[in-house]
Amino acid sequence: ETADNLRGHILEQQQIAAIETDRDVSSSRMYYGVENRRKSRCDLQLSLLRGGFSAYLGNEIDFELSYKKPFTVADALQEMLGKDGSLRHLYENLVTPNGELYELAAVITDPGSNRQMVHPDLPYNSKAPLYVIFLALQDVTENMGPTSFLLRTHTSKANVVFNSGDADEKEQLLLKSDCRLSTLKKGDAVLFDARLLHCGNANDEATRVLFNFSFRNPEVKGSLGYKGSIRPGYEGAMTLGDMTNALNAYHVGGDENPFANYVA
């Protein structure tokens, strides 16, 4: 139920973002991230406010209606990162409670979207800089453009070959790597090291929506060489610990809008 509700919410938010950016193209950065309004593919940057984008736009009727609906983004995060969340302890071990929320978005592809080039999300670092979640909000079949992950390509050796400029060596690396296709069931999640080589495949079937967030490793200092998909007001503003505390206030304390202090 949470996955269905979140998918519906995200597609509603996508419609609002399309209307607003058609009115004013300069507002695109507020709504879209790395994949900025490309044909049939986008990274939609999500709001943590109850009511989503309607909370910013001043349409009282839409806001009041959306406020009465389930707070699906918070509900989903609660199940994963709240007090008893399925991923909280894993993330605490990977990035500690001080890990910065680096991405908060939805990856949306429609039929007709092309296959991506194989890529890592960021330049190589000897320590894992970023751990990323893709949560499937519907079953993802082979024809819906599931992500291919090339296992064990997050290493220094693989990075040297991939960026060597030698086309033959690079081709052999890609051909010989253990490739896994993330055909997920609704509610399944993939957590991956952002240094890993991967790519989204062509979507020939139906709209695919993935809930996407990541947390940064606090041991890695300075620029990551990669700007995550997150609304500008959330950049550098929230840690995993902050997220957990807000979700606890929501679930236990009855706070209906626990992220209202974060200006997005």
Protein backbone atom coordinates (compact mmCIF):
# COMPACT_ATOMS: atom_id res chain seq x y z
CA GLU A 1 0.00 0.00 0.00
CA THR A 2 2.81 2.43 0.86
CA ALA A 3 4.47 1.82 -2.52
CA ASP A 4 1.19 2.39 -4.38
CA ASN A 5 0.46 5.59 -2.45
CA LEU A 6 3.97 6.92 -2.97
CA ARG A 7 3.89 6.15 -6.69
CA GLY A 8 0.59 8.00 -7.07
CA HIS A 9 1.93 10.97 -5.11
CA ILE A 10 5.11 11.14 -7.22
CA LEU A 11 3.19 11.08 -10.50
CA GLU A 12 0.94 13.88 -9.22
CA GLN A 13 4.06 15.87 -8.27
CA GLN A 14 5.48 15.27 -11.75
CA GLN A 15 2.37 16.83 -13.29
CA ILE A 16 2.68 19.89 -11.05
CA ALA A 17 6.38 20.23 -11.90
CA ALA A 18 5.63 20.05 -15.63
CA ILE A 19 2.99 22.78 -15.37
CA GLU A 20 5.21 25.07 -13.30
CA THR A 21 8.29 24.68 -15.49
CA ASP A 22 6.24 25.22 -18.64
CA ARG A 23 5.20 28.53 -17.09
CA ASP A 24 8.74 29.42 -16.05
CA VAL A 25 11.66 27.39 -17.42
CA SER A 26 14.02 29.02 -14.91
CA SER A 27 12.23 27.15 -12.10
CA SER A 28 13.41 23.83 -13.53
CA ARG A 29 16.28 23.54 -11.03
CA MET A 30 13.77 23.49 -8.17
CA TYR A 31 12.00 20.43 -9.56
CA TYR A 32 14.48 18.40 -11.59
CA GLY A 33 17.92 17.03 -10.82
CA VAL A 34 20.61 15.20 -12.75
CA GLU A 35 18.20 14.03 -15.46
CA ASN A 36 16.63 17.44 -16.08
CA ARG A 37 13.50 17.03 -18.22
CA ARG A 38 15.14 14.76 -20.75
CA LYS A 39 12.74 13.07 -23.14
CA SER A 40 10.91 10.25 -21.33
CA ARG A 41 13.29 10.38 -18.33
CA CYS A 42 13.66 12.65 -15.32
CA ASP A 43 14.93 12.85 -11.77
CA LEU A 44 12.11 14.59 -9.90
CA GLN A 45 13.34 16.25 -6.72
CA LEU A 46 10.85 15.60 -3.94
CA SER A 47 9.56 17.82 -1.18
CA LEU A 48 9.48 16.67 2.43
CA LEU A 49 6.54 18.91 3.27
CA ARG A 50 3.08 17.48 3.71
CA GLY A 51 1.25 18.42 0.55
CA GLY A 52 4.45 18.36 -1.51
CA PHE A 53 4.83 21.10 -4.11
CA SER A 54 1.34 22.41 -3.34
CA ALA A 55 2.71 23.66 -0.02
CA TYR A 56 4.88 26.19 -1.91
CA LEU A 57 2.55 27.34 -4.65
CA GLY A 58 -0.17 29.14 -2.75
CA ASN A 59 -3.11 27.18 -4.14
CA GLU A 60 -5.09 26.75 -0.94
CA ILE A 61 -7.68 24.36 -2.41
CA ASP A 62 -5.04 21.96 -3.80
CA PHE A 63 -3.02 22.25 -0.60
CA GLU A 64 -5.97 21.52 1.67
CA LEU A 65 -6.94 18.48 -0.42
CA SER A 66 -3.39 17.14 -0.48
CA TYR A 67 -3.04 17.74 3.27
CA LYS A 68 -5.91 15.32 3.88
CA LYS A 69 -4.17 12.55 1.93
CA PRO A 70 -1.62 10.17 3.51
CA PHE A 71 1.82 11.74 3.94
CA THR A 72 3.33 9.16 1.65
CA VAL A 73 6.94 10.40 1.51
CA ALA A 74 7.19 10.44 5.30
CA ASP A 75 5.39 7.09 5.56
CA ALA A 76 7.86 5.47 3.17
CA LEU A 77 10.88 6.98 4.91
CA GLN A 78 9.45 5.90 8.27
CA GLU A 79 9.33 2.28 7.11
CA MET A 80 12.94 2.43 5.96
CA LEU A 81 14.72 4.91 8.26
CA GLY A 82 12.44 5.35 11.27
CA LYS A 83 13.00 3.82 14.71
CA ASP A 84 12.25 0.30 13.48
CA GLY A 85 13.07 1.01 9.83
CA SER A 86 14.35 -1.80 7.64
CA LEU A 87 17.40 0.19 6.47
CA ARG A 88 18.20 2.43 9.43
CA HIS A 89 20.79 0.20 11.10
CA LEU A 90 22.43 -0.60 7.76
CA TYR A 91 22.80 3.07 6.90
CA GLU A 92 24.04 3.90 10.41
CA ASN A 93 26.78 1.30 9.95
CA LEU A 94 27.69 2.64 6.51
CA VAL A 95 27.66 6.41 7.09
CA THR A 96 26.97 6.88 10.85
CA PRO A 97 24.13 9.17 12.01
CA ASN A 98 26.27 12.08 10.73
CA GLY A 99 25.90 11.03 7.10
CA GLU A 100 24.47 13.87 5.01
CA LEU A 101 21.24 13.40 3.05
CA TYR A 102 22.61 13.90 -0.45
CA GLU A 103 19.76 12.93 -2.78
CA LEU A 104 15.98 12.82 -2.44
CA ALA A 105 14.17 12.23 -5.69
CA ALA A 106 12.19 9.91 -7.91
CA VAL A 107 13.70 8.39 -11.04
CA ILE A 108 10.93 8.27 -13.64
CA THR A 109 11.22 6.71 -17.09
CA ASP A 110 8.46 6.38 -19.66
CA PRO A 111 8.20 4.15 -22.72
CA GLY A 112 10.58 5.51 -25.32
CA SER A 113 13.38 6.40 -22.90
CA ASN A 114 16.76 5.34 -24.23
CA ARG A 115 19.42 3.23 -22.55
CA GLN A 116 21.97 5.22 -20.60
CA MET A 117 25.70 4.95 -21.13
CA VAL A 118 27.44 2.79 -18.53
CA HIS A 119 28.73 5.11 -15.83
CA PRO A 120 29.58 5.57 -12.15
CA ASP A 121 27.70 8.37 -10.44
CA LEU A 122 30.85 10.16 -9.35
CA PRO A 123 34.65 10.26 -9.77
CA TYR A 124 36.62 7.50 -8.08
CA ASN A 125 37.52 7.82 -4.42
CA SER A 126 39.42 5.28 -2.32
CA LYS A 127 36.57 5.39 0.24
CA ALA A 128 32.94 4.89 -0.67
CA PRO A 129 31.60 8.47 -0.82
CA LEU A 130 27.89 7.77 -1.25
CA TYR A 131 25.40 4.94 -0.74
CA VAL A 132 22.30 5.09 -2.94
CA ILE A 133 18.82 3.53 -2.70
CA PHE A 134 16.53 2.69 -5.60
CA LEU A 135 13.13 1.53 -4.30
CA ALA A 136 10.75 0.06 -6.88
CA LEU A 137 7.22 1.45 -6.65
CA GLN A 138 5.83 -1.15 -9.05
CA ASP A 139 7.13 -4.42 -10.42
CA VAL A 140 10.01 -3.71 -12.82
CA THR A 141 10.17 -6.08 -15.77
CA GLU A 142 13.00 -6.54 -18.27
CA ASN A 143 11.17 -4.33 -20.78
CA MET A 144 10.73 -1.42 -18.35
CA GLY A 145 14.38 -0.36 -18.40
CA PRO A 146 15.70 -1.87 -15.15
CA THR A 147 19.15 -0.74 -14.03
CA SER A 148 22.10 -2.95 -14.89
CA PHE A 149 24.80 -3.13 -12.20
CA LEU A 150 28.32 -4.35 -12.99
CA LEU A 151 29.43 -6.02 -9.79
CA ARG A 152 32.85 -5.27 -8.28
CA THR A 153 33.53 -2.37 -10.67
CA HIS A 154 33.77 0.12 -7.80
CA THR A 155 37.49 -0.67 -7.39
CA SER A 156 40.56 1.36 -8.27
CA LYS A 157 41.60 -1.23 -10.85
CA ALA A 158 38.26 -1.11 -12.68
CA ASN A 159 38.27 2.70 -12.54
CA VAL A 160 41.71 2.89 -14.17
CA VAL A 161 40.62 0.62 -17.03
CA PHE A 162 37.27 2.36 -17.50
CA ASN A 163 38.93 5.77 -17.78
CA SER A 164 42.12 4.69 -19.56
CA GLY A 165 41.01 5.83 -22.99
CA ASP A 166 41.78 2.38 -24.37
CA ALA A 167 38.53 1.35 -26.07
CA ASP A 168 39.47 -2.34 -26.26
CA GLU A 169 40.37 -2.58 -22.58
CA LYS A 170 37.17 -0.78 -21.60
CA GLU A 171 35.08 -3.07 -23.80
CA GLN A 172 36.66 -6.15 -22.22
CA LEU A 173 35.97 -4.78 -18.75
CA LEU A 174 32.30 -4.29 -19.60
CA LEU A 175 31.96 -7.67 -21.32
CA LYS A 176 33.66 -9.65 -18.56
CA SER A 177 32.01 -7.94 -15.59
CA ASP A 178 29.31 -9.77 -13.65
CA CYS A 179 26.22 -7.84 -14.76
CA ARG A 180 23.02 -8.03 -12.72
CA LEU A 181 19.69 -6.72 -14.00
CA SER A 182 17.57 -5.18 -11.26
CA THR A 183 14.17 -6.59 -12.19
CA LEU A 184 12.55 -5.76 -8.88
CA LYS A 185 9.21 -6.53 -7.32
CA LYS A 186 7.14 -3.68 -5.93
CA GLY A 187 8.66 -2.64 -2.60
CA ASP A 188 12.08 -4.17 -3.33
CA ALA A 189 15.11 -1.92 -2.93
CA VAL A 190 18.68 -1.89 -4.23
CA LEU A 191 21.40 -0.19 -2.18
CA PHE A 192 24.63 0.44 -4.06
CA ASP A 193 28.00 2.16 -3.79
CA ALA A 194 27.83 5.17 -6.15
CA ARG A 195 31.28 4.29 -7.56
CA LEU A 196 29.80 1.13 -9.13
CA LEU A 197 29.37 1.07 -12.91
CA HIS A 198 25.71 0.89 -13.88
CA CYS A 199 23.15 2.12 -16.40
CA GLY A 200 19.41 2.40 -16.84
CA ASN A 201 18.16 0.41 -19.80
CA ALA A 202 15.67 1.40 -22.49
CA ASN A 203 12.04 1.40 -21.39
CA ASP A 204 9.75 -0.17 -23.98
CA GLU A 205 6.77 -1.07 -21.82
CA ALA A 206 5.37 1.15 -19.06
CA THR A 207 6.23 4.00 -16.72
CA ARG A 208 8.85 2.98 -14.16
CA VAL A 209 9.07 4.95 -10.91
CA LEU A 210 11.88 4.48 -8.39
CA PHE A 211 12.12 6.28 -5.06
CA ASN A 212 15.73 7.43 -4.81
CA PHE A 213 17.73 8.76 -1.89
CA SER A 214 21.32 8.61 -0.71
CA PHE A 215 23.51 9.49 2.25
CA ARG A 216 27.08 10.71 2.10
CA ASN A 217 30.00 9.14 3.97
CA PRO A 218 31.23 11.83 6.41
CA GLU A 219 34.78 10.47 6.18
CA VAL A 220 35.00 11.73 2.58
CA LYS A 221 35.70 15.46 2.65
CA GLY A 222 35.37 18.11 -0.02
CA SER A 223 33.49 17.99 -3.29
CA LEU A 224 32.29 14.60 -4.52
CA GLY A 225 32.41 15.80 -8.12
CA TYR A 226 28.72 15.00 -8.44
CA LYS A 227 25.69 17.12 -7.66
CA GLY A 228 22.90 14.91 -6.34
CA SER A 229 19.23 15.28 -7.20
CA ILE A 230 17.83 17.14 -4.20
CA ARG A 231 15.86 20.35 -3.78
CA PRO A 232 18.26 23.27 -3.21
CA GLY A 233 17.02 24.01 0.31
CA TYR A 234 17.86 20.50 1.48
CA GLU A 235 21.48 20.59 0.27
CA GLY A 236 23.79 20.10 3.25
CA ALA A 237 20.90 20.67 5.64
CA MET A 238 20.05 17.24 7.04
CA THR A 239 21.86 14.18 8.36
CA LEU A 240 20.67 10.63 8.84
CA GLY A 241 20.32 11.42 12.54
CA ASP A 242 18.20 14.49 11.76
CA MET A 243 16.03 12.36 9.48
CA THR A 244 15.55 9.71 12.17
CA ASN A 245 14.62 12.33 14.78
CA ALA A 246 12.08 13.96 12.47
CA LEU A 247 10.53 10.60 11.63
CA ASN A 248 10.32 9.76 15.31
CA ALA A 249 8.49 13.04 15.94
CA TYR A 250 6.11 12.13 13.13
CA HIS A 251 5.47 8.52 14.14
CA VAL A 252 5.57 8.79 17.93
CA GLY A 253 5.05 12.46 18.68
CA GLY A 254 2.22 13.09 16.25
CA ASP A 255 4.00 15.90 14.39
CA GLU A 256 2.01 16.15 11.13
CA ASN A 257 4.73 18.11 9.30
CA PRO A 258 8.06 17.04 10.86
CA PHE A 259 10.27 18.52 8.14
CA ALA A 260 8.69 21.98 8.11
CA ASN A 261 11.84 23.53 9.59
CA TYR A 262 13.81 22.60 6.50
CA VAL A 263 13.27 25.25 3.86
CA ALA A 264 13.20 23.66 0.42
